[in-house]
Amino acid sequence: MLQVEPDAPHPRPVGWPSLGKLVLVALVWGGAAFVVLGNAATTRIGPVLYSVSDGHGVHAGDIVVGTVVFCLALLATAVIVWPRHRR
């Protein structure tokens, strides 16, 4: 007959990060979005690549900053979430 101990710890499902990691990832991406939108609102670097209206558009610098910051956020997400083998 199989006996189950009621106080036995339940293992975490494989592949699911902890709540702390999920909060950290959300903060990383929120910070990245804040930096990109703050840069787009305050700087005028490079030529206008897409004109939204008179006086408003997407500059080349906005694209560069967005690409760099979002690539860094993706790398940070991989470091946070990727499982590491402990010895």
N, C-alpha and C. Protein backbone atom coordinates (compact mmCIF):
# COMPACT_ATOMS: atom_id res chain seq x y z
N MET A 1 0.83 -1.17 0.00
CA MET A 1 0.00 0.00 0.00
C MET A 1 0.89 1.25 0.00
N LEU A 2 0.50 2.26 -0.76
CA LEU A 2 1.25 3.49 -0.92
C LEU A 2 0.83 4.49 0.15
N GLN A 3 1.83 5.02 0.87
CA GLN A 3 1.55 6.02 1.89
C GLN A 3 2.09 7.37 1.43
N VAL A 4 1.30 8.40 1.63
CA VAL A 4 1.69 9.75 1.27
C VAL A 4 1.76 10.58 2.54
N GLU A 5 2.91 11.22 2.73
CA GLU A 5 3.05 12.08 3.89
C GLU A 5 2.38 13.43 3.61
N PRO A 6 1.50 13.88 4.48
CA PRO A 6 0.80 15.15 4.22
C PRO A 6 1.71 16.37 4.33
N ASP A 7 2.82 16.28 5.06
CA ASP A 7 3.70 17.43 5.24
C ASP A 7 4.88 17.44 4.27
N ALA A 8 4.87 16.56 3.29
CA ALA A 8 5.98 16.50 2.33
C ALA A 8 5.97 17.76 1.47
N PRO A 9 7.15 18.36 1.20
CA PRO A 9 7.20 19.56 0.35
C PRO A 9 6.85 19.22 -1.09
N HIS A 10 6.16 20.15 -1.71
CA HIS A 10 5.77 19.97 -3.11
C HIS A 10 6.85 20.55 -4.01
N PRO A 11 7.37 19.78 -4.94
CA PRO A 11 8.40 20.32 -5.84
C PRO A 11 7.79 21.33 -6.81
N ARG A 12 8.59 22.34 -7.16
CA ARG A 12 8.16 23.34 -8.13
C ARG A 12 8.12 22.70 -9.51
N PRO A 13 7.10 23.00 -10.31
CA PRO A 13 7.06 22.46 -11.67
C PRO A 13 8.30 22.87 -12.46
N VAL A 14 8.82 21.96 -13.22
CA VAL A 14 10.02 22.22 -14.01
C VAL A 14 9.70 23.22 -15.11
N GLY A 15 10.55 24.22 -15.28
CA GLY A 15 10.37 25.19 -16.36
C GLY A 15 9.68 26.47 -15.95
N TRP A 16 9.15 26.55 -14.74
CA TRP A 16 8.47 27.77 -14.31
C TRP A 16 9.37 28.55 -13.37
N PRO A 17 9.66 29.81 -13.68
CA PRO A 17 10.49 30.62 -12.79
C PRO A 17 9.71 31.04 -11.54
N SER A 18 10.42 31.45 -10.53
CA SER A 18 9.78 31.89 -9.30
C SER A 18 9.11 33.25 -9.50
N LEU A 19 8.28 33.60 -8.55
CA LEU A 19 7.56 34.88 -8.62
C LEU A 19 8.54 36.05 -8.58
N GLY A 20 9.62 35.92 -7.79
CA GLY A 20 10.62 36.98 -7.73
C GLY A 20 11.29 37.22 -9.06
N LYS A 21 11.56 36.14 -9.81
CA LYS A 21 12.16 36.29 -11.14
C LYS A 21 11.19 36.96 -12.10
N LEU A 22 9.92 36.61 -12.01
CA LEU A 22 8.93 37.22 -12.90
C LEU A 22 8.78 38.72 -12.61
N VAL A 23 8.82 39.09 -11.34
CA VAL A 23 8.75 40.51 -10.98
C VAL A 23 9.99 41.25 -11.49
N LEU A 24 11.15 40.62 -11.35
CA LEU A 24 12.38 41.25 -11.83
C LEU A 24 12.36 41.44 -13.35
N VAL A 25 11.86 40.45 -14.07
CA VAL A 25 11.74 40.57 -15.54
C VAL A 25 10.77 41.70 -15.90
N ALA A 26 9.66 41.80 -15.18
CA ALA A 26 8.70 42.87 -15.44
C ALA A 26 9.33 44.24 -15.19
N LEU A 27 10.15 44.35 -14.14
CA LEU A 27 10.84 45.61 -13.86
C LEU A 27 11.87 45.94 -14.94
N VAL A 28 12.57 44.93 -15.43
CA VAL A 28 13.56 45.15 -16.51
C VAL A 28 12.87 45.70 -17.75
N TRP A 29 11.77 45.08 -18.17
CA TRP A 29 11.09 45.52 -19.39
C TRP A 29 10.36 46.84 -19.19
N GLY A 30 9.84 47.08 -17.99
CA GLY A 30 9.23 48.38 -17.69
C GLY A 30 10.26 49.49 -17.73
N GLY A 31 11.44 49.22 -17.17
CA GLY A 31 12.52 50.19 -17.23
C GLY A 31 13.00 50.45 -18.64
N ALA A 32 13.08 49.38 -19.44
CA ALA A 32 13.49 49.54 -20.84
C ALA A 32 12.48 50.40 -21.60
N ALA A 33 11.20 50.15 -21.40
CA ALA A 33 10.18 50.95 -22.07
C ALA A 33 10.24 52.41 -21.62
N PHE A 34 10.50 52.63 -20.32
CA PHE A 34 10.61 53.99 -19.79
C PHE A 34 11.78 54.73 -20.44
N VAL A 35 12.92 54.06 -20.57
CA VAL A 35 14.10 54.69 -21.18
C VAL A 35 13.84 55.02 -22.65
N VAL A 36 13.26 54.08 -23.38
CA VAL A 36 13.02 54.29 -24.82
C VAL A 36 12.01 55.42 -25.04
N LEU A 37 10.92 55.40 -24.29
CA LEU A 37 9.90 56.45 -24.46
C LEU A 37 10.41 57.81 -23.98
N GLY A 38 11.20 57.80 -22.91
CA GLY A 38 11.79 59.06 -22.43
C GLY A 38 12.76 59.64 -23.44
N ASN A 39 13.54 58.78 -24.06
CA ASN A 39 14.47 59.24 -25.11
C ASN A 39 13.70 59.78 -26.31
N ALA A 40 12.66 59.09 -26.71
CA ALA A 40 11.90 59.52 -27.89
C ALA A 40 11.19 60.85 -27.63
N ALA A 41 10.82 61.10 -26.39
CA ALA A 41 10.08 62.33 -26.08
C ALA A 41 11.00 63.53 -25.95
N THR A 42 12.29 63.30 -25.65
CA THR A 42 13.14 64.45 -25.32
C THR A 42 14.25 64.73 -26.32
N THR A 43 14.59 63.79 -27.18
CA THR A 43 15.72 64.03 -28.09
C THR A 43 15.28 64.06 -29.54
N ARG A 44 16.10 64.69 -30.36
CA ARG A 44 15.87 64.79 -31.80
C ARG A 44 17.15 64.42 -32.52
N ILE A 45 17.58 63.17 -32.38
CA ILE A 45 18.86 62.73 -32.94
C ILE A 45 18.61 62.08 -34.30
N GLY A 46 19.26 62.58 -35.31
CA GLY A 46 19.18 61.98 -36.64
C GLY A 46 18.00 62.46 -37.45
N PRO A 47 17.93 61.98 -38.68
CA PRO A 47 16.84 62.38 -39.58
C PRO A 47 15.52 61.71 -39.18
N VAL A 48 14.44 62.32 -39.61
CA VAL A 48 13.11 61.75 -39.36
C VAL A 48 12.89 60.63 -40.36
N LEU A 49 12.65 59.42 -39.85
CA LEU A 49 12.42 58.27 -40.72
C LEU A 49 10.94 58.04 -40.99
N TYR A 50 10.10 58.44 -40.04
CA TYR A 50 8.66 58.29 -40.21
C TYR A 50 7.98 59.50 -39.59
N SER A 51 7.26 60.24 -40.40
CA SER A 51 6.59 61.44 -39.93
C SER A 51 5.16 61.09 -39.50
N VAL A 52 4.86 61.36 -38.22
CA VAL A 52 3.52 61.08 -37.70
C VAL A 52 2.60 62.26 -38.02
N SER A 53 3.08 63.47 -37.74
CA SER A 53 2.34 64.69 -38.05
C SER A 53 3.37 65.81 -38.12
N ASP A 54 2.90 67.04 -38.32
CA ASP A 54 3.83 68.17 -38.35
C ASP A 54 4.52 68.31 -36.99
N GLY A 55 5.84 68.24 -37.00
CA GLY A 55 6.60 68.39 -35.77
C GLY A 55 6.75 67.12 -34.95
N HIS A 56 6.15 66.01 -35.40
CA HIS A 56 6.25 64.75 -34.66
C HIS A 56 6.65 63.64 -35.62
N GLY A 57 7.60 62.82 -35.18
CA GLY A 57 8.04 61.72 -36.03
C GLY A 57 9.03 60.83 -35.31
N VAL A 58 9.42 59.76 -35.97
CA VAL A 58 10.38 58.82 -35.43
C VAL A 58 11.74 59.14 -36.03
N HIS A 59 12.70 59.46 -35.17
CA HIS A 59 14.05 59.79 -35.62
C HIS A 59 14.92 58.54 -35.65
N ALA A 60 16.03 58.63 -36.36
CA ALA A 60 16.96 57.50 -36.44
C ALA A 60 17.53 57.17 -35.06
N GLY A 61 17.76 58.18 -34.25
CA GLY A 61 18.26 57.95 -32.89
C GLY A 61 17.28 57.18 -32.03
N ASP A 62 15.99 57.40 -32.25
CA ASP A 62 14.97 56.64 -31.52
C ASP A 62 15.07 55.15 -31.84
N ILE A 63 15.31 54.85 -33.10
CA ILE A 63 15.42 53.45 -33.53
C ILE A 63 16.67 52.81 -32.92
N VAL A 64 17.77 53.54 -32.93
CA VAL A 64 19.02 53.00 -32.38
C VAL A 64 18.89 52.75 -30.88
N VAL A 65 18.38 53.74 -30.15
CA VAL A 65 18.22 53.59 -28.70
C VAL A 65 17.24 52.46 -28.38
N GLY A 66 16.16 52.37 -29.10
CA GLY A 66 15.19 51.30 -28.88
C GLY A 66 15.79 49.93 -29.13
N THR A 67 16.54 49.80 -30.20
CA THR A 67 17.16 48.51 -30.51
C THR A 67 18.17 48.10 -29.44
N VAL A 68 19.01 49.02 -29.02
CA VAL A 68 20.04 48.71 -28.02
C VAL A 68 19.39 48.38 -26.67
N VAL A 69 18.46 49.20 -26.23
CA VAL A 69 17.86 49.00 -24.91
C VAL A 69 17.04 47.72 -24.88
N PHE A 70 16.27 47.44 -25.93
CA PHE A 70 15.46 46.22 -25.92
C PHE A 70 16.32 44.96 -26.08
N CYS A 71 17.43 45.05 -26.78
CA CYS A 71 18.37 43.91 -26.83
C CYS A 71 18.99 43.66 -25.46
N LEU A 72 19.34 44.72 -24.75
CA LEU A 72 19.86 44.56 -23.39
C LEU A 72 18.81 43.98 -22.44
N ALA A 73 17.56 44.40 -22.61
CA ALA A 73 16.48 43.84 -21.78
C ALA A 73 16.26 42.36 -22.09
N LEU A 74 16.38 42.00 -23.35
CA LEU A 74 16.25 40.59 -23.73
C LEU A 74 17.38 39.76 -23.14
N LEU A 75 18.59 40.29 -23.17
CA LEU A 75 19.73 39.60 -22.58
C LEU A 75 19.56 39.46 -21.07
N ALA A 76 19.10 40.53 -20.41
CA ALA A 76 18.87 40.47 -18.97
C ALA A 76 17.78 39.46 -18.63
N THR A 77 16.75 39.37 -19.46
CA THR A 77 15.69 38.39 -19.24
C THR A 77 16.23 36.97 -19.36
N ALA A 78 17.08 36.73 -20.34
CA ALA A 78 17.66 35.39 -20.50
C ALA A 78 18.53 35.03 -19.30
N VAL A 79 19.30 35.99 -18.78
CA VAL A 79 20.16 35.72 -17.61
C VAL A 79 19.31 35.44 -16.38
N ILE A 80 18.20 36.17 -16.22
CA ILE A 80 17.35 36.00 -15.05
C ILE A 80 16.59 34.67 -15.10
N VAL A 81 16.02 34.35 -16.24
CA VAL A 81 15.10 33.21 -16.33
C VAL A 81 15.80 31.90 -16.68
N TRP A 82 16.90 31.97 -17.44
CA TRP A 82 17.55 30.75 -17.92
C TRP A 82 18.00 29.88 -16.75
N PRO A 83 17.67 28.59 -16.78
CA PRO A 83 18.09 27.73 -15.66
C PRO A 83 19.60 27.55 -15.65
N ARG A 84 20.19 27.65 -14.46
CA ARG A 84 21.62 27.46 -14.29
C ARG A 84 21.86 26.16 -13.54
N HIS A 85 22.88 25.44 -13.96
CA HIS A 85 23.23 24.20 -13.28
C HIS A 85 24.12 24.53 -12.09
N ARG A 86 23.71 24.09 -10.93
CA ARG A 86 24.51 24.33 -9.73
C ARG A 86 25.33 23.09 -9.42
N ARG A 87 26.55 23.32 -9.01
CA ARG A 87 27.42 22.18 -8.69
C ARG A 87 27.48 21.97 -7.20
